[in-house]
Amino acid sequence: PIEVFKRIDYCLTDEYEELDFANNLLGTNMKHLWYNYYSIEDTVGVLADKSVNGENILIGNSSTFESNHLMALNKLRRFNLKNKKIIVPLSYGDSWLKARLLKIGKILFSKNFEALVSFMPRDEYNMVMCSCAYVIMPHYRPQAFGNILTALWLGAKVFISNKNIVYPFYKRLGVHFYTLETDLTTKELEVPLSQTIINKNREILMKEYSRDAMKPRIQNVVEELNR
């Protein structure tokens, strides 16, 4: 109930846009405190010195209806993808949707469709991420944040929906990314990011999410909540 939200004083998030959306929707006046679970060093881990080295396309992060897989797949079916693999993580989420996507993916892309249906060691998943120069996250809600940050760090072209709250968030940070609605074209799936853009994205991510950047903001949370 909305009355419950009106009793909440603070909202902990690294995206101010989320708080602004919630306050406007619910008529609340929650205050913003910056918080995120992991630093960029924790998120990318052993990938800190790695870059994408393949031309595959990653879509979504889970077998969930919110991932809007069909939107992306229907767009891609009209493109000349040559020998690029379409890699779709489906290791968790709804089993009925997984079965449906497995069938549709094989019909549309045949042997070029590859679904990740089982959990795998992190190092193995990292190798998959490194093979994907193009990452499509069609969600309308904030989701797959760790995957997006990792993809940006590795130098992938990341496509997100302009209906997602992360769209104005990344624009505010100055991150170089692409929109699913207007930028997803055959041409954009043929040209990888330049090293200059990759370096700029990494610089922004370090400024926002490095351990050194996060520590004082998390300390502020502790101090504010202990008043």
Protein backbone atom coordinates (compact mmCIF):
# COMPACT_ATOMS: atom_id res chain seq x y z
CA PRO A 1 0.00 0.00 0.00
CA ILE A 2 1.10 3.56 -0.72
CA GLU A 3 0.67 4.47 2.96
CA VAL A 4 3.54 2.12 3.78
CA PHE A 5 5.87 3.97 1.40
CA LYS A 6 4.91 7.27 3.00
CA ARG A 7 6.41 6.01 6.26
CA ILE A 8 9.82 5.49 4.62
CA ASP A 9 12.33 8.28 5.17
CA TYR A 10 15.17 7.18 2.90
CA CYS A 11 15.73 5.38 -0.38
CA LEU A 12 19.13 3.75 -0.88
CA THR A 13 20.07 3.55 -4.55
CA ASP A 14 22.88 4.53 -6.88
CA GLU A 15 20.35 5.84 -9.41
CA TYR A 16 18.71 9.05 -8.27
CA GLU A 17 16.30 8.65 -11.18
CA GLU A 18 14.74 5.64 -9.46
CA LEU A 19 13.99 7.68 -6.36
CA ASP A 20 12.58 10.55 -8.40
CA PHE A 21 10.30 8.14 -10.26
CA ALA A 22 9.09 6.53 -7.01
CA ASN A 23 8.43 9.85 -5.28
CA ASN A 24 6.45 11.17 -8.25
CA LEU A 25 4.46 7.96 -8.63
CA LEU A 26 3.67 7.46 -4.95
CA GLY A 27 3.45 11.05 -3.78
CA THR A 28 6.20 10.39 -1.25
CA ASN A 29 9.12 12.49 -0.13
CA MET A 30 11.85 9.92 0.48
CA LYS A 31 15.38 11.28 0.74
CA HIS A 32 18.19 9.92 -1.39
CA LEU A 33 21.18 8.10 0.06
CA TRP A 34 23.71 6.73 -2.43
CA TYR A 35 24.38 3.02 -2.12
CA ASN A 36 25.51 0.14 -4.30
CA TYR A 37 26.38 -3.43 -3.40
CA TYR A 38 29.62 -3.84 -5.32
CA SER A 39 32.46 -1.66 -6.54
CA ILE A 40 33.51 -1.84 -10.18
CA GLU A 41 36.60 -3.73 -9.02
CA ASP A 42 34.36 -6.38 -7.43
CA THR A 43 32.04 -6.46 -10.43
CA VAL A 44 34.62 -7.00 -13.19
CA GLY A 45 37.06 -8.97 -11.04
CA VAL A 46 39.61 -10.78 -13.21
CA LEU A 47 38.23 -8.98 -16.26
CA ALA A 48 39.80 -5.69 -15.18
CA ASP A 49 42.50 -5.97 -17.86
CA LYS A 50 40.36 -7.74 -20.47
CA SER A 51 38.44 -6.48 -23.50
CA VAL A 52 35.88 -8.04 -25.82
CA ASN A 53 37.54 -10.31 -28.37
CA GLY A 54 34.58 -11.65 -30.33
CA GLU A 55 31.61 -10.48 -32.40
CA ASN A 56 28.77 -12.34 -30.70
CA ILE A 57 25.54 -10.75 -29.47
CA LEU A 58 24.30 -11.20 -25.89
CA ILE A 59 20.60 -10.65 -25.16
CA GLY A 60 19.14 -10.22 -21.67
CA ASN A 61 20.23 -11.84 -18.45
CA SER A 62 17.49 -14.27 -17.44
CA SER A 63 14.40 -16.21 -18.44
CA THR A 64 12.01 -13.51 -17.28
CA PHE A 65 9.10 -11.83 -19.04
CA GLU A 66 10.59 -8.42 -18.19
CA SER A 67 13.61 -9.19 -20.37
CA ASN A 68 11.52 -8.55 -23.51
CA HIS A 69 13.53 -11.09 -25.52
CA LEU A 70 11.03 -11.24 -28.37
CA MET A 71 11.38 -7.54 -29.08
CA ALA A 72 15.12 -7.91 -29.60
CA LEU A 73 14.89 -11.20 -31.48
CA ASN A 74 12.30 -9.81 -33.89
CA LYS A 75 14.56 -6.86 -34.65
CA LEU A 76 17.61 -9.05 -35.18
CA ARG A 77 15.82 -11.48 -37.51
CA ARG A 78 15.71 -8.71 -40.15
CA PHE A 79 19.45 -8.08 -40.04
CA ASN A 80 22.36 -9.70 -41.82
CA LEU A 81 24.22 -11.03 -38.80
CA LYS A 82 26.67 -13.14 -40.82
CA ASN A 83 28.19 -15.69 -38.44
CA LYS A 84 27.52 -13.89 -35.17
CA LYS A 85 26.10 -16.07 -32.41
CA ILE A 86 23.00 -14.93 -30.56
CA ILE A 87 23.72 -15.82 -26.92
CA VAL A 88 20.79 -15.71 -24.49
CA PRO A 89 21.28 -16.42 -20.75
CA LEU A 90 18.27 -18.42 -19.51
CA SER A 91 19.76 -20.21 -16.51
CA TYR A 92 17.21 -18.78 -14.08
CA GLY A 93 13.68 -17.45 -14.27
CA ASP A 94 10.50 -18.97 -15.70
CA SER A 95 10.78 -22.48 -17.13
CA TRP A 96 7.81 -22.01 -19.50
CA LEU A 97 9.45 -18.94 -21.00
CA LYS A 98 12.77 -20.73 -21.34
CA ALA A 99 11.11 -23.51 -23.35
CA ARG A 100 9.36 -20.96 -25.56
CA LEU A 101 12.52 -18.96 -26.23
CA LEU A 102 14.54 -22.08 -26.98
CA LYS A 103 12.02 -23.01 -29.66
CA ILE A 104 11.70 -19.53 -31.14
CA GLY A 105 15.45 -18.91 -31.10
CA LYS A 106 16.22 -22.08 -33.01
CA ILE A 107 13.50 -21.33 -35.58
CA LEU A 108 14.74 -17.79 -36.20
CA PHE A 109 18.51 -18.26 -36.01
CA SER A 110 19.13 -22.01 -36.31
CA LYS A 111 22.66 -22.98 -35.23
CA ASN A 112 23.59 -19.36 -34.53
CA PHE A 113 21.26 -19.31 -31.51
CA GLU A 114 22.91 -20.38 -28.27
CA ALA A 115 21.03 -20.39 -24.96
CA LEU A 116 22.78 -20.64 -21.61
CA VAL A 117 20.36 -22.91 -19.76
CA SER A 118 22.53 -24.00 -16.82
CA PHE A 119 24.48 -22.09 -14.22
CA MET A 120 28.19 -22.00 -15.00
CA PRO A 121 31.34 -21.03 -13.13
CA ARG A 122 31.98 -17.30 -13.13
CA ASP A 123 35.22 -17.65 -15.13
CA GLU A 124 33.33 -19.54 -17.83
CA TYR A 125 30.60 -16.90 -17.97
CA ASN A 126 33.29 -14.22 -18.16
CA MET A 127 34.63 -15.91 -21.29
CA VAL A 128 31.14 -15.69 -22.79
CA MET A 129 30.97 -11.98 -21.95
CA CYS A 130 34.36 -11.43 -23.58
CA SER A 131 33.08 -13.00 -26.80
CA CYS A 132 30.20 -10.51 -27.08
CA ALA A 133 31.03 -7.18 -28.70
CA TYR A 134 27.31 -6.33 -28.70
CA VAL A 135 25.05 -6.55 -25.64
CA ILE A 136 21.30 -5.97 -25.87
CA MET A 137 19.32 -5.43 -22.66
CA PRO A 138 15.70 -4.85 -23.71
CA HIS A 139 14.27 -4.48 -20.18
CA TYR A 140 11.91 -1.61 -19.40
CA ARG A 141 12.82 -1.74 -15.71
CA PRO A 142 16.28 -1.55 -14.07
CA GLN A 143 17.72 -5.04 -14.32
CA ALA A 144 20.98 -6.82 -15.19
CA PHE A 145 23.00 -3.94 -13.77
CA GLY A 146 26.10 -6.04 -13.10
CA ASN A 147 26.01 -7.45 -16.63
CA ILE A 148 25.66 -3.98 -18.11
CA LEU A 149 28.56 -2.57 -16.08
CA THR A 150 30.75 -5.53 -17.05
CA ALA A 151 29.83 -5.18 -20.72
CA LEU A 152 30.62 -1.47 -20.68
CA TRP A 153 33.94 -2.13 -18.99
CA LEU A 154 34.89 -4.79 -21.53
CA GLY A 155 34.13 -2.41 -24.39
CA ALA A 156 30.92 -3.89 -25.74
CA LYS A 157 28.31 -1.81 -27.51
CA VAL A 158 25.45 -1.83 -25.02
CA PHE A 159 21.88 -1.30 -26.23
CA ILE A 160 19.15 -0.48 -23.71
CA SER A 161 15.56 0.68 -24.06
CA ASN A 162 14.88 4.40 -23.83
CA LYS A 163 11.89 3.44 -21.67
CA ASN A 164 14.19 2.14 -18.94
CA ILE A 165 15.10 4.36 -15.99
CA VAL A 166 18.76 3.51 -16.56
CA TYR A 167 18.54 5.46 -19.85
CA PRO A 168 18.53 8.95 -18.22
CA PHE A 169 20.88 7.62 -15.55
CA TYR A 170 23.60 6.65 -18.03
CA LYS A 171 23.04 9.86 -19.97
CA ARG A 172 23.63 11.86 -16.80
CA LEU A 173 26.87 9.99 -16.13
CA GLY A 174 28.04 10.56 -19.69
CA VAL A 175 28.40 6.86 -20.47
CA HIS A 176 28.52 6.03 -24.19
CA PHE A 177 25.68 3.59 -24.91
CA TYR A 178 23.00 2.92 -27.52
CA THR A 179 19.22 2.69 -27.55
CA LEU A 180 17.29 -0.35 -28.61
CA GLU A 181 14.59 1.69 -30.31
CA THR A 182 16.72 3.91 -32.57
CA ASP A 183 20.29 2.61 -32.70
CA LEU A 184 19.92 -1.14 -33.15
CA THR A 185 20.76 -1.51 -36.86
CA THR A 186 22.85 -3.81 -39.04
CA LYS A 187 25.47 -1.08 -39.35
CA GLU A 188 25.84 -0.64 -35.59
CA LEU A 189 26.30 -4.40 -35.21
CA GLU A 190 29.22 -4.37 -37.61
CA VAL A 191 31.43 -1.70 -36.03
CA PRO A 192 32.83 -2.29 -32.52
CA LEU A 193 33.57 0.53 -30.11
CA SER A 194 36.78 2.47 -30.53
CA GLN A 195 39.41 2.21 -27.83
CA THR A 196 38.93 5.92 -27.11
CA ILE A 197 35.26 5.37 -26.23
CA ILE A 198 36.08 2.25 -24.21
CA ASN A 199 38.65 4.17 -22.17
CA LYS A 200 36.18 7.01 -21.60
CA ASN A 201 33.49 4.62 -20.35
CA ARG A 202 35.98 2.98 -18.01
CA GLU A 203 37.02 6.36 -16.67
CA ILE A 204 33.38 7.22 -15.89
CA LEU A 205 32.74 3.85 -14.23
CA MET A 206 35.82 4.21 -12.06
CA LYS A 207 34.78 7.71 -11.05
CA GLU A 208 31.30 6.51 -10.05
CA TYR A 209 31.87 2.96 -8.78
CA SER A 210 35.48 2.51 -7.70
CA ARG A 211 36.09 1.50 -4.10
CA ASP A 212 37.64 4.87 -3.38
CA ALA A 213 34.59 6.67 -4.79
CA MET A 214 32.11 4.47 -2.93
CA LYS A 215 33.64 4.48 0.55
CA PRO A 216 32.78 8.09 1.53
CA ARG A 217 29.23 7.77 0.18
CA ILE A 218 28.60 4.55 2.08
CA GLN A 219 30.11 6.13 5.18
CA ASN A 220 27.60 8.94 4.71
CA VAL A 221 24.78 6.37 4.76
CA VAL A 222 26.02 4.95 8.06
CA GLU A 223 26.35 8.40 9.61
CA GLU A 224 22.95 9.59 8.38
CA LEU A 225 21.12 6.52 9.65
CA ASN A 226 22.86 6.70 13.03
CA ARG A 227 21.77 10.25 13.76
